[in-house]
Amino acid sequence: MLTIWGRLNSHNVKKVAWFAGEIALPYVRHDVGGQFGMSDAYVAMNPNRLIPTIEDGDVLLWESNAILRYLANRYAPEAMWPVDAALRAQGDKWMDWQFSFADAQRDAFLNLVRRKPEDRDDAALARSARQSGEAMLILDKALAAQHWLSGEQFGVADVPMGTYAHTFFTLEMERPHVPHVRAWYDRLRERPAYRETVMIPLT
């Protein structure tokens, strides 16, 4: 059985748990990181001291998007990751693009979720809201042309940004009008695994 190490209030852990739910892959998850700390045994598995890490039989793997690609390729290669290399790459680029979006949104998340109001950096919050909003305008243009980042149907390429979209629409900050992203997010919200693992309180 798949084992996932990492606390579920981490965006990167949510990605992996959500995707496992999408492909009906049973797993067990252990809280690691943040308030749960990291044991020496965990650091031996992942010397980066980051989460998540997975163990799947004899496969030990870290880096969330690498984990997603591995799971898609091993357990749902045609349904969740297109066989055609060009089509797969078109979705795959959004998985890598997500990391720059995460950088843009980080200060908004930290200031609104993990800091007391009196400790917030309002300038950093405003800058983060603006930068993440500008990035979402790029995504909105892409989703105007297709329903899913993976192509004609939902796939693994929707997972990284789908996880961050929930945070984007939940944070109490100024956002641009992004109707196509919003429609995509609403479609994600209809998926049981998304509701269970991603749409949890931000902490």
N, C-alpha and C. Protein backbone atom coordinates (compact mmCIF):
# COMPACT_ATOMS: atom_id res chain seq x y z
N MET A 1 0.84 -1.20 0.00
CA MET A 1 0.00 0.00 0.00
C MET A 1 0.88 1.26 0.00
N LEU A 2 0.43 2.27 -0.70
CA LEU A 2 1.14 3.54 -0.75
C LEU A 2 1.17 4.19 0.63
N THR A 3 2.35 4.69 1.01
CA THR A 3 2.49 5.45 2.25
C THR A 3 2.90 6.87 1.90
N ILE A 4 2.20 7.83 2.49
CA ILE A 4 2.48 9.25 2.29
C ILE A 4 2.91 9.84 3.62
N TRP A 5 4.06 10.49 3.63
CA TRP A 5 4.49 11.21 4.81
C TRP A 5 4.30 12.71 4.58
N GLY A 6 3.56 13.35 5.48
CA GLY A 6 3.36 14.79 5.38
C GLY A 6 2.03 15.21 5.96
N ARG A 7 2.00 16.38 6.57
CA ARG A 7 0.77 16.93 7.16
C ARG A 7 -0.14 17.43 6.04
N LEU A 8 -1.45 17.24 6.21
CA LEU A 8 -2.39 17.52 5.13
C LEU A 8 -2.64 19.00 4.91
N ASN A 9 -2.23 19.86 5.84
CA ASN A 9 -2.42 21.30 5.59
C ASN A 9 -1.30 21.87 4.73
N SER A 10 -0.42 21.03 4.22
CA SER A 10 0.59 21.43 3.25
C SER A 10 0.03 21.30 1.83
N HIS A 11 0.20 22.34 1.02
CA HIS A 11 -0.27 22.27 -0.36
C HIS A 11 0.32 21.07 -1.09
N ASN A 12 1.61 20.83 -0.88
CA ASN A 12 2.27 19.75 -1.62
C ASN A 12 1.79 18.37 -1.19
N VAL A 13 1.41 18.23 0.06
CA VAL A 13 0.85 16.96 0.52
C VAL A 13 -0.57 16.80 0.01
N LYS A 14 -1.32 17.89 0.01
CA LYS A 14 -2.69 17.83 -0.53
C LYS A 14 -2.70 17.31 -1.96
N LYS A 15 -1.76 17.78 -2.76
CA LYS A 15 -1.69 17.33 -4.15
C LYS A 15 -1.66 15.81 -4.24
N VAL A 16 -0.77 15.21 -3.48
CA VAL A 16 -0.55 13.77 -3.58
C VAL A 16 -1.75 13.00 -3.02
N ALA A 17 -2.26 13.44 -1.88
CA ALA A 17 -3.42 12.76 -1.29
C ALA A 17 -4.64 12.88 -2.19
N TRP A 18 -4.84 14.07 -2.76
CA TRP A 18 -5.98 14.27 -3.67
C TRP A 18 -5.85 13.34 -4.87
N PHE A 19 -4.68 13.31 -5.49
CA PHE A 19 -4.54 12.50 -6.68
C PHE A 19 -4.71 11.02 -6.39
N ALA A 20 -4.20 10.58 -5.26
CA ALA A 20 -4.41 9.18 -4.88
C ALA A 20 -5.90 8.89 -4.76
N GLY A 21 -6.66 9.84 -4.20
CA GLY A 21 -8.11 9.68 -4.12
C GLY A 21 -8.76 9.64 -5.49
N GLU A 22 -8.27 10.45 -6.42
CA GLU A 22 -8.84 10.48 -7.77
C GLU A 22 -8.70 9.15 -8.48
N ILE A 23 -7.58 8.48 -8.26
CA ILE A 23 -7.36 7.21 -8.96
C ILE A 23 -7.69 6.01 -8.08
N ALA A 24 -8.38 6.28 -6.96
CA ALA A 24 -8.82 5.22 -6.05
C ALA A 24 -7.67 4.34 -5.60
N LEU A 25 -6.53 4.97 -5.31
CA LEU A 25 -5.36 4.26 -4.84
C LEU A 25 -5.32 4.31 -3.31
N PRO A 26 -5.46 3.18 -2.65
CA PRO A 26 -5.43 3.18 -1.18
C PRO A 26 -4.08 3.67 -0.65
N TYR A 27 -4.12 4.39 0.46
CA TYR A 27 -2.87 4.86 1.04
C TYR A 27 -3.05 5.07 2.54
N VAL A 28 -1.93 5.11 3.20
CA VAL A 28 -1.89 5.54 4.60
C VAL A 28 -1.02 6.79 4.63
N ARG A 29 -1.35 7.70 5.53
CA ARG A 29 -0.61 8.96 5.61
C ARG A 29 -0.18 9.19 7.06
N HIS A 30 1.04 9.67 7.21
CA HIS A 30 1.58 9.98 8.52
C HIS A 30 1.89 11.48 8.60
N ASP A 31 1.47 12.12 9.68
CA ASP A 31 1.74 13.55 9.86
C ASP A 31 3.23 13.78 10.09
N VAL A 32 3.81 14.60 9.26
CA VAL A 32 5.23 14.99 9.35
C VAL A 32 5.33 16.45 8.96
N GLY A 33 6.25 17.17 9.58
CA GLY A 33 6.48 18.57 9.23
C GLY A 33 5.65 19.51 10.06
N GLY A 34 6.04 20.79 10.06
CA GLY A 34 5.32 21.78 10.84
C GLY A 34 5.32 21.43 12.31
N GLN A 35 4.13 21.49 12.90
CA GLN A 35 4.01 21.22 14.34
C GLN A 35 4.33 19.77 14.70
N PHE A 36 4.38 18.87 13.70
CA PHE A 36 4.66 17.46 13.96
C PHE A 36 6.16 17.14 13.93
N GLY A 37 6.94 18.05 13.41
CA GLY A 37 8.38 17.83 13.36
C GLY A 37 8.79 16.76 12.37
N MET A 38 10.07 16.43 12.40
CA MET A 38 10.62 15.40 11.51
C MET A 38 11.59 14.53 12.29
N SER A 39 11.38 13.25 12.25
CA SER A 39 12.26 12.32 12.94
C SER A 39 13.54 12.12 12.14
N ASP A 40 14.54 11.57 12.80
CA ASP A 40 15.78 11.23 12.10
C ASP A 40 15.51 10.23 10.98
N ALA A 41 14.57 9.34 11.22
CA ALA A 41 14.24 8.33 10.21
C ALA A 41 13.65 9.00 8.96
N TYR A 42 12.82 10.04 9.19
CA TYR A 42 12.25 10.73 8.03
C TYR A 42 13.33 11.49 7.26
N VAL A 43 14.19 12.19 7.98
CA VAL A 43 15.25 12.95 7.33
C VAL A 43 16.18 12.02 6.55
N ALA A 44 16.35 10.81 7.02
CA ALA A 44 17.15 9.84 6.28
C ALA A 44 16.50 9.50 4.93
N MET A 45 15.16 9.51 4.89
CA MET A 45 14.45 9.27 3.64
C MET A 45 14.48 10.49 2.74
N ASN A 46 14.31 11.67 3.34
CA ASN A 46 14.25 12.92 2.58
C ASN A 46 15.19 13.94 3.21
N PRO A 47 16.44 13.97 2.77
CA PRO A 47 17.43 14.86 3.39
C PRO A 47 17.15 16.33 3.15
N ASN A 48 16.18 16.65 2.28
CA ASN A 48 15.81 18.04 2.05
C ASN A 48 15.00 18.62 3.20
N ARG A 49 14.51 17.73 4.09
CA ARG A 49 13.66 18.14 5.21
C ARG A 49 12.39 18.85 4.72
N LEU A 50 11.83 18.31 3.66
CA LEU A 50 10.59 18.82 3.10
C LEU A 50 9.56 17.69 3.02
N ILE A 51 8.32 18.07 2.77
CA ILE A 51 7.25 17.09 2.60
C ILE A 51 6.56 17.37 1.27
N PRO A 52 5.97 16.32 0.67
CA PRO A 52 5.82 14.94 1.13
C PRO A 52 6.96 14.05 0.66
N THR A 53 6.94 12.86 1.19
CA THR A 53 7.72 11.73 0.70
C THR A 53 6.76 10.56 0.60
N ILE A 54 6.93 9.71 -0.40
CA ILE A 54 6.10 8.51 -0.50
C ILE A 54 6.97 7.27 -0.53
N GLU A 55 6.37 6.16 -0.11
CA GLU A 55 6.96 4.84 -0.30
C GLU A 55 5.90 3.97 -0.96
N ASP A 56 6.25 3.39 -2.07
CA ASP A 56 5.32 2.54 -2.82
C ASP A 56 6.07 1.27 -3.20
N GLY A 57 5.94 0.26 -2.36
CA GLY A 57 6.75 -0.93 -2.57
C GLY A 57 8.22 -0.59 -2.37
N ASP A 58 9.02 -0.83 -3.39
CA ASP A 58 10.44 -0.53 -3.28
C ASP A 58 10.79 0.87 -3.81
N VAL A 59 9.77 1.67 -4.10
CA VAL A 59 9.98 3.02 -4.61
C VAL A 59 9.87 4.03 -3.47
N LEU A 60 10.93 4.77 -3.23
CA LEU A 60 10.93 5.86 -2.26
C LEU A 60 11.15 7.14 -3.05
N LEU A 61 10.26 8.12 -2.87
CA LEU A 61 10.29 9.29 -3.77
C LEU A 61 9.87 10.54 -3.03
N TRP A 62 10.56 11.64 -3.31
CA TRP A 62 10.13 12.95 -2.83
C TRP A 62 10.05 13.92 -4.00
N GLU A 63 9.56 15.12 -3.74
CA GLU A 63 9.17 16.16 -4.72
C GLU A 63 7.76 15.85 -5.23
N SER A 64 6.84 16.72 -4.83
CA SER A 64 5.41 16.44 -5.02
C SER A 64 5.02 16.21 -6.48
N ASN A 65 5.51 17.04 -7.39
CA ASN A 65 5.09 16.86 -8.78
C ASN A 65 5.74 15.64 -9.42
N ALA A 66 6.94 15.29 -8.98
CA ALA A 66 7.54 14.03 -9.43
C ALA A 66 6.71 12.86 -8.94
N ILE A 67 6.21 12.96 -7.72
CA ILE A 67 5.35 11.92 -7.18
C ILE A 67 4.07 11.80 -8.00
N LEU A 68 3.47 12.93 -8.35
CA LEU A 68 2.25 12.91 -9.16
C LEU A 68 2.49 12.23 -10.50
N ARG A 69 3.59 12.56 -11.15
CA ARG A 69 3.89 11.97 -12.45
C ARG A 69 4.11 10.46 -12.32
N TYR A 70 4.79 10.08 -11.28
CA TYR A 70 5.02 8.66 -11.04
C TYR A 70 3.70 7.91 -10.84
N LEU A 71 2.83 8.45 -10.00
CA LEU A 71 1.57 7.78 -9.73
C LEU A 71 0.69 7.72 -10.97
N ALA A 72 0.67 8.80 -11.74
CA ALA A 72 -0.13 8.81 -12.96
C ALA A 72 0.39 7.79 -13.96
N ASN A 73 1.70 7.75 -14.11
CA ASN A 73 2.29 6.85 -15.10
C ASN A 73 2.15 5.39 -14.68
N ARG A 74 2.23 5.11 -13.38
CA ARG A 74 2.17 3.72 -12.92
C ARG A 74 0.73 3.21 -12.79
N TYR A 75 -0.17 4.07 -12.31
CA TYR A 75 -1.50 3.57 -11.95
C TYR A 75 -2.64 4.06 -12.86
N ALA A 76 -2.42 5.13 -13.61
CA ALA A 76 -3.50 5.62 -14.48
C ALA A 76 -2.91 6.29 -15.72
N PRO A 77 -2.07 5.57 -16.48
CA PRO A 77 -1.30 6.20 -17.55
C PRO A 77 -2.12 6.82 -18.67
N GLU A 78 -3.19 6.22 -19.07
CA GLU A 78 -3.98 6.79 -20.16
C GLU A 78 -5.06 7.72 -19.63
N ALA A 79 -5.66 7.37 -18.51
CA ALA A 79 -6.76 8.17 -17.98
C ALA A 79 -6.29 9.51 -17.44
N MET A 80 -5.13 9.54 -16.81
CA MET A 80 -4.70 10.75 -16.13
C MET A 80 -3.46 11.42 -16.72
N TRP A 81 -2.73 10.73 -17.56
CA TRP A 81 -1.53 11.29 -18.18
C TRP A 81 -1.49 10.82 -19.62
N PRO A 82 -1.75 11.70 -20.58
CA PRO A 82 -1.88 11.28 -21.98
C PRO A 82 -0.66 10.52 -22.49
N VAL A 83 -0.92 9.57 -23.35
CA VAL A 83 0.16 8.80 -23.96
C VAL A 83 0.93 9.67 -24.96
N ASP A 84 0.21 10.51 -25.70
CA ASP A 84 0.84 11.37 -26.69
C ASP A 84 1.80 12.35 -26.01
N ALA A 85 3.05 12.35 -26.42
CA ALA A 85 4.08 13.15 -25.75
C ALA A 85 3.80 14.65 -25.83
N ALA A 86 3.33 15.12 -26.98
CA ALA A 86 3.07 16.55 -27.14
C ALA A 86 1.91 17.00 -26.25
N LEU A 87 0.85 16.21 -26.24
CA LEU A 87 -0.30 16.55 -25.41
C LEU A 87 0.07 16.49 -23.93
N ARG A 88 0.84 15.49 -23.56
CA ARG A 88 1.28 15.37 -22.18
C ARG A 88 2.12 16.59 -21.77
N ALA A 89 2.99 17.03 -22.65
CA ALA A 89 3.86 18.17 -22.34
C ALA A 89 3.07 19.45 -22.19
N GLN A 90 2.00 19.61 -22.97
CA GLN A 90 1.17 20.81 -22.85
C GLN A 90 0.55 20.93 -21.46
N GLY A 91 0.16 19.80 -20.89
CA GLY A 91 -0.34 19.83 -19.52
C GLY A 91 0.78 19.90 -18.51
N ASP A 92 1.86 19.22 -18.83
CA ASP A 92 2.99 19.12 -17.91
C ASP A 92 3.59 20.49 -17.60
N LYS A 93 3.54 21.40 -18.56
CA LYS A 93 4.13 22.72 -18.32
C LYS A 93 3.42 23.46 -17.20
N TRP A 94 2.11 23.21 -17.05
CA TRP A 94 1.36 23.87 -15.97
C TRP A 94 1.75 23.30 -14.60
N MET A 95 2.21 22.06 -14.58
CA MET A 95 2.67 21.50 -13.32
C MET A 95 3.93 22.22 -12.85
N ASP A 96 4.84 22.52 -13.79
CA ASP A 96 6.06 23.25 -13.43
C ASP A 96 5.76 24.73 -13.17
N TRP A 97 4.84 25.29 -13.93
CA TRP A 97 4.44 26.70 -13.76
C TRP A 97 3.89 26.94 -12.37
N GLN A 98 3.29 25.93 -11.77
CA GLN A 98 2.70 26.07 -10.44
C GLN A 98 3.71 26.55 -9.40
N PHE A 99 4.96 26.18 -9.55
CA PHE A 99 5.94 26.58 -8.54
C PHE A 99 6.16 28.10 -8.53
N SER A 100 6.13 28.73 -9.70
CA SER A 100 6.25 30.19 -9.72
C SER A 100 4.99 30.83 -9.15
N PHE A 101 3.83 30.20 -9.39
CA PHE A 101 2.61 30.74 -8.79
C PHE A 101 2.67 30.63 -7.26
N ALA A 102 3.17 29.50 -6.77
CA ALA A 102 3.29 29.32 -5.32
C ALA A 102 4.17 30.40 -4.71
N ASP A 103 5.26 30.76 -5.39
CA ASP A 103 6.12 31.83 -4.90
C ASP A 103 5.35 33.15 -4.83
N ALA A 104 4.52 33.40 -5.86
CA ALA A 104 3.76 34.65 -5.90
C ALA A 104 2.72 34.71 -4.79
N GLN A 105 2.09 33.61 -4.47
CA GLN A 105 0.99 33.60 -3.51
C GLN A 105 1.46 33.42 -2.06
N ARG A 106 2.71 33.05 -1.87
CA ARG A 106 3.19 32.66 -0.54
C ARG A 106 2.97 33.74 0.52
N ASP A 107 3.34 34.97 0.24
CA ASP A 107 3.24 36.02 1.27
C ASP A 107 1.79 36.32 1.63
N ALA A 108 0.89 36.21 0.68
CA ALA A 108 -0.53 36.40 0.99
C ALA A 108 -1.01 35.31 1.93
N PHE A 109 -0.63 34.08 1.64
CA PHE A 109 -1.03 32.96 2.48
C PHE A 109 -0.44 33.10 3.88
N LEU A 110 0.84 33.36 3.97
CA LEU A 110 1.48 33.45 5.29
C LEU A 110 0.89 34.58 6.12
N ASN A 111 0.65 35.72 5.51
CA ASN A 111 0.14 36.86 6.26
C ASN A 111 -1.32 36.70 6.66
N LEU A 112 -2.12 36.09 5.81
CA LEU A 112 -3.55 35.97 6.11
C LEU A 112 -3.89 34.73 6.91
N VAL A 113 -3.07 33.71 6.84
CA VAL A 113 -3.40 32.44 7.50
C VAL A 113 -2.52 32.17 8.71
N ARG A 114 -1.25 32.43 8.60
CA ARG A 114 -0.33 31.98 9.65
C ARG A 114 0.23 33.09 10.53
N ARG A 115 -0.23 34.31 10.33
CA ARG A 115 0.21 35.40 11.19
C ARG A 115 -0.98 36.10 11.82
N LYS A 116 -0.78 36.59 13.01
CA LYS A 116 -1.80 37.39 13.65
C LYS A 116 -1.94 38.71 12.91
N PRO A 117 -3.14 39.31 12.92
CA PRO A 117 -3.32 40.58 12.20
C PRO A 117 -2.28 41.64 12.55
N GLU A 118 -1.91 41.71 13.82
CA GLU A 118 -0.95 42.74 14.23
C GLU A 118 0.46 42.45 13.74
N ASP A 119 0.72 41.24 13.30
CA ASP A 119 2.05 40.87 12.83
C ASP A 119 2.17 40.85 11.31
N ARG A 120 1.10 41.19 10.62
CA ARG A 120 1.11 41.09 9.16
C ARG A 120 1.95 42.18 8.50
N ASP A 121 2.54 41.81 7.38
CA ASP A 121 3.27 42.74 6.54
C ASP A 121 2.33 43.14 5.41
N ASP A 122 1.66 44.26 5.57
CA ASP A 122 0.64 44.66 4.61
C ASP A 122 1.20 44.89 3.21
N ALA A 123 2.42 45.41 3.13
CA ALA A 123 3.02 45.64 1.82
C ALA A 123 3.30 44.32 1.11
N ALA A 124 3.83 43.35 1.84
CA ALA A 124 4.10 42.04 1.25
C ALA A 124 2.80 41.35 0.85
N LEU A 125 1.76 41.52 1.66
CA LEU A 125 0.46 40.93 1.36
C LEU A 125 -0.10 41.52 0.07
N ALA A 126 -0.06 42.84 -0.05
CA ALA A 126 -0.60 43.49 -1.25
C ALA A 126 0.20 43.09 -2.49
N ARG A 127 1.50 43.03 -2.36
CA ARG A 127 2.35 42.64 -3.49
C ARG A 127 2.05 41.20 -3.91
N SER A 128 1.89 40.33 -2.95
CA SER A 128 1.60 38.93 -3.24
C SER A 128 0.23 38.77 -3.89
N ALA A 129 -0.75 39.52 -3.40
CA ALA A 129 -2.09 39.46 -4.00
C ALA A 129 -2.03 39.92 -5.45
N ARG A 130 -1.28 40.98 -5.70
CA ARG A 130 -1.17 41.49 -7.08
C ARG A 130 -0.46 40.50 -7.99
N GLN A 131 0.66 39.96 -7.51
CA GLN A 131 1.43 39.03 -8.35
C GLN A 131 0.69 37.73 -8.62
N SER A 132 0.02 37.20 -7.61
CA SER A 132 -0.73 35.96 -7.84
C SER A 132 -1.94 36.23 -8.73
N GLY A 133 -2.53 37.41 -8.61
CA GLY A 133 -3.63 37.77 -9.49
C GLY A 133 -3.18 37.90 -10.94
N GLU A 134 -2.02 38.50 -11.15
CA GLU A 134 -1.48 38.62 -12.51
C GLU A 134 -1.21 37.23 -13.10
N ALA A 135 -0.71 36.33 -12.28
CA ALA A 135 -0.47 34.97 -12.76
C ALA A 135 -1.77 34.28 -13.12
N MET A 136 -2.79 34.49 -12.31
CA MET A 136 -4.08 33.86 -12.59
C MET A 136 -4.70 34.37 -13.89
N LEU A 137 -4.38 35.59 -14.28
CA LEU A 137 -4.86 36.09 -15.56
C LEU A 137 -4.26 35.29 -16.72
N ILE A 138 -3.02 34.84 -16.55
CA ILE A 138 -2.39 33.98 -17.55
C ILE A 138 -3.13 32.64 -17.62
N LEU A 139 -3.42 32.08 -16.46
CA LEU A 139 -4.14 30.81 -16.41
C LEU A 139 -5.54 30.96 -16.97
N ASP A 140 -6.17 32.09 -16.70
CA ASP A 140 -7.53 32.33 -17.19
C ASP A 140 -7.57 32.31 -18.72
N LYS A 141 -6.57 32.90 -19.34
CA LYS A 141 -6.52 32.90 -20.80
C LYS A 141 -6.39 31.47 -21.34
N ALA A 142 -5.59 30.66 -20.67
CA ALA A 142 -5.43 29.27 -21.10
C ALA A 142 -6.73 28.50 -20.96
N LEU A 143 -7.42 28.71 -19.84
CA LEU A 143 -8.65 27.97 -19.59
C LEU A 143 -9.84 28.50 -20.38
N ALA A 144 -9.66 29.63 -21.02
CA ALA A 144 -10.70 30.10 -21.95
C ALA A 144 -10.75 29.21 -23.19
N ALA A 145 -9.64 28.55 -23.47
CA ALA A 145 -9.54 27.74 -24.68
C ALA A 145 -9.77 26.26 -24.43
N GLN A 146 -9.76 25.83 -23.17
CA GLN A 146 -9.95 24.42 -22.86
C GLN A 146 -10.47 24.28 -21.44
N HIS A 147 -11.25 23.24 -21.19
CA HIS A 147 -11.86 23.04 -19.87
C HIS A 147 -10.86 22.65 -18.80
N TRP A 148 -9.82 21.91 -19.20
CA TRP A 148 -8.88 21.36 -18.23
C TRP A 148 -7.45 21.69 -18.63
N LEU A 149 -6.57 21.84 -17.66
CA LEU A 149 -5.17 22.07 -17.98
C LEU A 149 -4.56 20.84 -18.62
N SER A 150 -5.15 19.68 -18.38
CA SER A 150 -4.66 18.44 -18.96
C SER A 150 -5.14 18.22 -20.39
N GLY A 151 -6.07 19.05 -20.88
CA GLY A 151 -6.59 18.88 -22.23
C GLY A 151 -8.09 18.77 -22.23
N GLU A 152 -8.61 17.75 -22.89
CA GLU A 152 -10.05 17.61 -23.03
C GLU A 152 -10.71 17.04 -21.78
N GLN A 153 -9.93 16.42 -20.91
CA GLN A 153 -10.50 15.86 -19.70
C GLN A 153 -9.56 16.09 -18.53
N PHE A 154 -10.10 15.95 -17.33
CA PHE A 154 -9.31 16.11 -16.12
C PHE A 154 -8.16 15.13 -16.11
N GLY A 155 -7.00 15.59 -15.65
CA GLY A 155 -5.84 14.71 -15.54
C GLY A 155 -4.87 15.25 -14.51
N VAL A 156 -3.73 14.61 -14.43
CA VAL A 156 -2.75 14.95 -13.39
C VAL A 156 -2.27 16.39 -13.50
N ALA A 157 -2.27 16.97 -14.70
CA ALA A 157 -1.79 18.34 -14.86
C ALA A 157 -2.69 19.36 -14.17
N ASP A 158 -3.92 18.97 -13.85
CA ASP A 158 -4.83 19.88 -13.15
C ASP A 158 -4.57 19.92 -11.65
N VAL A 159 -3.83 18.96 -11.14
CA VAL A 159 -3.72 18.81 -9.69
C VAL A 159 -2.89 19.90 -9.01
N PRO A 160 -1.68 20.22 -9.47
CA PRO A 160 -0.91 21.24 -8.74
C PRO A 160 -1.62 22.58 -8.65
N MET A 161 -2.04 23.14 -9.79
CA MET A 161 -2.72 24.43 -9.72
C MET A 161 -4.12 24.32 -9.13
N GLY A 162 -4.74 23.16 -9.28
CA GLY A 162 -6.05 22.97 -8.65
C GLY A 162 -5.96 23.09 -7.14
N THR A 163 -4.88 22.62 -6.57
CA THR A 163 -4.67 22.73 -5.13
C THR A 163 -4.51 24.19 -4.73
N TYR A 164 -3.74 24.93 -5.50
CA TYR A 164 -3.52 26.34 -5.17
C TYR A 164 -4.72 27.22 -5.50
N ALA A 165 -5.56 26.79 -6.43
CA ALA A 165 -6.75 27.58 -6.76
C ALA A 165 -7.68 27.70 -5.56
N HIS A 166 -7.79 26.64 -4.78
CA HIS A 166 -8.66 26.72 -3.60
C HIS A 166 -8.17 27.80 -2.64
N THR A 167 -6.87 27.86 -2.44
CA THR A 167 -6.31 28.89 -1.57
C THR A 167 -6.55 30.27 -2.16
N PHE A 168 -6.33 30.40 -3.45
CA PHE A 168 -6.51 31.69 -4.13
C PHE A 168 -7.92 32.23 -3.93
N PHE A 169 -8.92 31.38 -4.07
CA PHE A 169 -10.30 31.84 -3.94
C PHE A 169 -10.79 31.90 -2.50
N THR A 170 -10.01 31.37 -1.57
CA THR A 170 -10.40 31.38 -0.16
C THR A 170 -9.80 32.55 0.60
N LEU A 171 -8.59 32.94 0.26
CA LEU A 171 -7.94 34.05 0.95
C LEU A 171 -8.73 35.34 0.78
N GLU A 172 -8.82 36.09 1.84
CA GLU A 172 -9.53 37.37 1.81
C GLU A 172 -8.59 38.45 1.31
N MET A 173 -8.47 38.50 -0.01
CA MET A 173 -7.59 39.48 -0.65
C MET A 173 -8.22 39.91 -1.97
N GLU A 174 -7.71 40.98 -2.53
CA GLU A 174 -8.21 41.44 -3.82
C GLU A 174 -7.79 40.47 -4.92
N ARG A 175 -8.73 40.18 -5.81
CA ARG A 175 -8.47 39.27 -6.92
C ARG A 175 -9.01 39.86 -8.21
N PRO A 176 -8.35 39.61 -9.32
CA PRO A 176 -8.88 40.05 -10.61
C PRO A 176 -10.05 39.16 -11.03
N HIS A 177 -10.78 39.61 -12.03
CA HIS A 177 -11.89 38.82 -12.57
C HIS A 177 -11.30 37.74 -13.48
N VAL A 178 -11.44 36.52 -13.05
CA VAL A 178 -10.89 35.37 -13.82
C VAL A 178 -12.00 34.33 -13.98
N PRO A 179 -12.98 34.60 -14.84
CA PRO A 179 -14.16 33.72 -14.94
C PRO A 179 -13.85 32.30 -15.37
N HIS A 180 -12.84 32.12 -16.20
CA HIS A 180 -12.54 30.77 -16.68
C HIS A 180 -11.83 29.96 -15.60
N VAL A 181 -10.98 30.61 -14.83
CA VAL A 181 -10.38 29.93 -13.69
C VAL A 181 -11.45 29.57 -12.67
N ARG A 182 -12.37 30.50 -12.46
CA ARG A 182 -13.45 30.25 -11.50
C ARG A 182 -14.32 29.08 -11.95
N ALA A 183 -14.63 29.00 -13.22
CA ALA A 183 -15.45 27.89 -13.72
C ALA A 183 -14.70 26.56 -13.57
N TRP A 184 -13.40 26.57 -13.84
CA TRP A 184 -12.57 25.38 -13.65
C TRP A 184 -12.54 24.98 -12.18
N TYR A 185 -12.37 25.95 -11.31
CA TYR A 185 -12.37 25.69 -9.87
C TYR A 185 -13.72 25.10 -9.43
N ASP A 186 -14.80 25.61 -9.97
CA ASP A 186 -16.12 25.08 -9.63
C ASP A 186 -16.26 23.63 -10.09
N ARG A 187 -15.68 23.31 -11.22
CA ARG A 187 -15.71 21.91 -11.67
C ARG A 187 -14.88 21.03 -10.74
N LEU A 188 -13.76 21.54 -10.28
CA LEU A 188 -12.95 20.78 -9.33
C LEU A 188 -13.71 20.53 -8.04
N ARG A 189 -14.47 21.51 -7.60
CA ARG A 189 -15.20 21.39 -6.35
C ARG A 189 -16.28 20.32 -6.39
N GLU A 190 -16.63 19.87 -7.57
CA GLU A 190 -17.61 18.80 -7.71
C GLU A 190 -16.98 17.41 -7.51
N ARG A 191 -15.67 17.35 -7.45
CA ARG A 191 -14.97 16.07 -7.36
C ARG A 191 -14.82 15.68 -5.88
N PRO A 192 -15.31 14.51 -5.48
CA PRO A 192 -15.28 14.12 -4.07
C PRO A 192 -13.89 14.14 -3.45
N ALA A 193 -12.89 13.65 -4.16
CA ALA A 193 -11.54 13.61 -3.60
C ALA A 193 -11.00 15.02 -3.37
N TYR A 194 -11.38 15.95 -4.20
CA TYR A 194 -10.96 17.35 -4.04
C TYR A 194 -11.60 17.94 -2.79
N ARG A 195 -12.88 17.70 -2.63
CA ARG A 195 -13.56 18.24 -1.44
C ARG A 195 -12.96 17.66 -0.17
N GLU A 196 -12.60 16.39 -0.21
CA GLU A 196 -12.13 15.72 1.00
C GLU A 196 -10.72 16.14 1.39
N THR A 197 -9.84 16.35 0.44
CA THR A 197 -8.43 16.57 0.77
C THR A 197 -7.95 17.99 0.55
N VAL A 198 -8.56 18.73 -0.35
CA VAL A 198 -8.10 20.08 -0.66
C VAL A 198 -8.96 21.14 0.03
N MET A 199 -10.27 20.94 0.02
CA MET A 199 -11.17 21.97 0.57
C MET A 199 -11.33 21.82 2.07
N ILE A 200 -10.22 21.90 2.74
CA ILE A 200 -10.19 21.85 4.20
C ILE A 200 -9.76 23.22 4.69
N PRO A 201 -10.00 23.54 5.96
CA PRO A 201 -9.61 24.87 6.44
C PRO A 201 -8.13 25.15 6.22
N LEU A 202 -7.83 26.37 5.82
CA LEU A 202 -6.44 26.78 5.65
C LEU A 202 -5.82 27.03 7.02
N THR A 203 -4.72 26.36 7.28
CA THR A 203 -4.04 26.53 8.56
C THR A 203 -2.53 26.58 8.33
